[in-house]
């Protein structure tokens, strides 16, 4: 197996599912991921041929840029701490507990 615990977890889970459920056809396995999942889909594509189709969307491809995007968003909203982030998100949420 390759280095990378998430990748190994995916393949181990896939092995378990295909061995346990006969309805799953190992020749027709597909994968889909968004955000970090899209990054993981690209990793999978470069390390195995077990998947018939892989779809990546809204991917994170540069973690440094993603970090600074988050920092800029926090600065624009006036958020300074993680607790403040949660408070601000809850205040902006349209689905508040009633």
Protein backbone atom coordinates (compact mmCIF):
# COMPACT_ATOMS: atom_id res chain seq x y z
CA UNK A 1 0.00 0.00 0.00
CA UNK A 2 1.00 3.61 -0.51
CA UNK A 3 1.82 5.99 2.27
CA UNK A 4 -1.17 8.03 3.36
CA UNK A 5 -3.60 6.86 6.00
CA UNK A 6 -6.78 8.25 4.37
CA UNK A 7 -5.92 6.50 1.11
CA UNK A 8 -5.21 3.22 2.91
CA UNK A 9 -8.46 3.57 4.89
CA UNK A 10 -10.39 3.97 1.64
CA UNK A 11 -8.85 0.87 0.08
CA UNK A 12 -9.25 -1.23 3.24
CA UNK A 13 -12.90 -0.15 3.45
CA UNK A 14 -13.38 -0.95 -0.22
CA UNK A 15 -11.88 -4.42 0.28
CA UNK A 16 -14.22 -5.05 3.22
CA UNK A 17 -17.32 -3.84 1.37
CA UNK A 18 -16.65 -5.87 -1.78
CA UNK A 19 -15.91 -8.99 0.29
CA UNK A 20 -18.97 -8.55 2.52
CA UNK A 21 -21.65 -7.48 0.04
CA UNK A 22 -21.96 -9.59 -3.08
CA UNK A 23 -24.13 -6.93 -4.72
CA UNK A 24 -21.05 -4.72 -5.14
CA UNK A 25 -19.23 -5.41 -8.40
CA UNK A 26 -15.50 -4.68 -7.92
CA UNK A 27 -15.16 -4.00 -11.66
CA UNK A 28 -17.69 -1.15 -11.46
CA UNK A 29 -16.48 0.88 -8.47
CA UNK A 30 -16.82 4.66 -8.76
CA UNK A 31 -15.63 7.49 -6.54
CA UNK A 32 -16.66 11.11 -6.05
CA UNK A 33 -15.21 13.83 -3.86
CA UNK A 34 -15.52 17.53 -3.14
CA UNK A 35 -13.11 19.89 -1.38
CA UNK A 36 -10.59 17.65 0.43
CA UNK A 37 -12.42 14.69 -1.11
CA UNK A 38 -11.57 16.05 -4.57
CA UNK A 39 -7.93 16.26 -3.58
CA UNK A 40 -8.19 12.66 -2.36
CA UNK A 41 -9.84 11.57 -5.65
CA UNK A 42 -6.85 12.98 -7.54
CA UNK A 43 -4.49 11.13 -5.20
CA UNK A 44 -6.43 7.89 -5.77
CA UNK A 45 -6.30 8.38 -9.54
CA UNK A 46 -2.52 8.54 -9.41
CA UNK A 47 -2.10 5.47 -7.18
CA UNK A 48 -4.58 2.77 -8.21
CA UNK A 49 -6.64 1.53 -11.12
CA UNK A 50 -9.36 -0.09 -9.01
CA UNK A 51 -11.93 2.58 -9.79
CA UNK A 52 -13.82 2.63 -13.07
CA UNK A 53 -14.71 6.31 -12.74
CA UNK A 54 -13.48 9.10 -10.44
CA UNK A 55 -15.11 12.54 -10.17
CA UNK A 56 -13.43 15.47 -8.41
CA UNK A 57 -15.20 18.80 -7.94
CA UNK A 58 -14.61 21.95 -5.88
CA UNK A 59 -11.18 20.68 -5.03
CA UNK A 60 -8.53 22.12 -2.75
CA UNK A 61 -5.28 21.97 -4.67
CA UNK A 62 -3.11 24.46 -2.81
CA UNK A 63 -3.38 24.32 0.99
CA UNK A 64 -1.38 27.54 1.43
CA UNK A 65 -3.82 29.49 -0.73
CA UNK A 66 -6.76 27.86 1.05
CA UNK A 67 -5.34 28.91 4.42
CA UNK A 68 -4.88 32.53 3.36
CA UNK A 69 -8.37 32.54 1.82
CA UNK A 70 -9.71 31.49 5.24
CA UNK A 71 -7.63 34.14 7.05
CA UNK A 72 -8.82 36.86 4.65
CA UNK A 73 -12.44 35.81 5.12
CA UNK A 74 -12.03 35.93 8.90
CA UNK A 75 -10.46 39.38 8.72
CA UNK A 76 -13.27 40.67 6.51
CA UNK A 77 -15.90 39.35 8.94
CA UNK A 78 -13.99 40.58 11.98
CA UNK A 79 -13.50 37.06 13.32
CA UNK A 80 -10.50 36.62 15.58
CA UNK A 81 -10.92 33.22 17.25
CA UNK A 82 -12.44 29.84 16.51
CA UNK A 83 -15.13 30.47 19.13
CA UNK A 84 -15.88 33.81 17.46
CA UNK A 85 -16.14 31.98 14.13
CA UNK A 86 -18.77 29.60 15.50
CA UNK A 87 -20.70 32.45 17.14
CA UNK A 88 -20.69 34.50 13.93
CA UNK A 89 -21.75 31.54 11.76
CA UNK A 90 -24.60 30.70 14.13
CA UNK A 91 -25.74 34.33 14.12
CA UNK A 92 -25.75 34.41 10.30
CA UNK A 93 -27.47 31.03 10.00
CA UNK A 94 -31.07 31.01 8.80
CA UNK A 95 -31.64 27.66 10.51
CA UNK A 96 -31.46 28.65 14.16
CA UNK A 97 -33.02 26.60 16.93
CA UNK A 98 -36.39 28.03 17.92
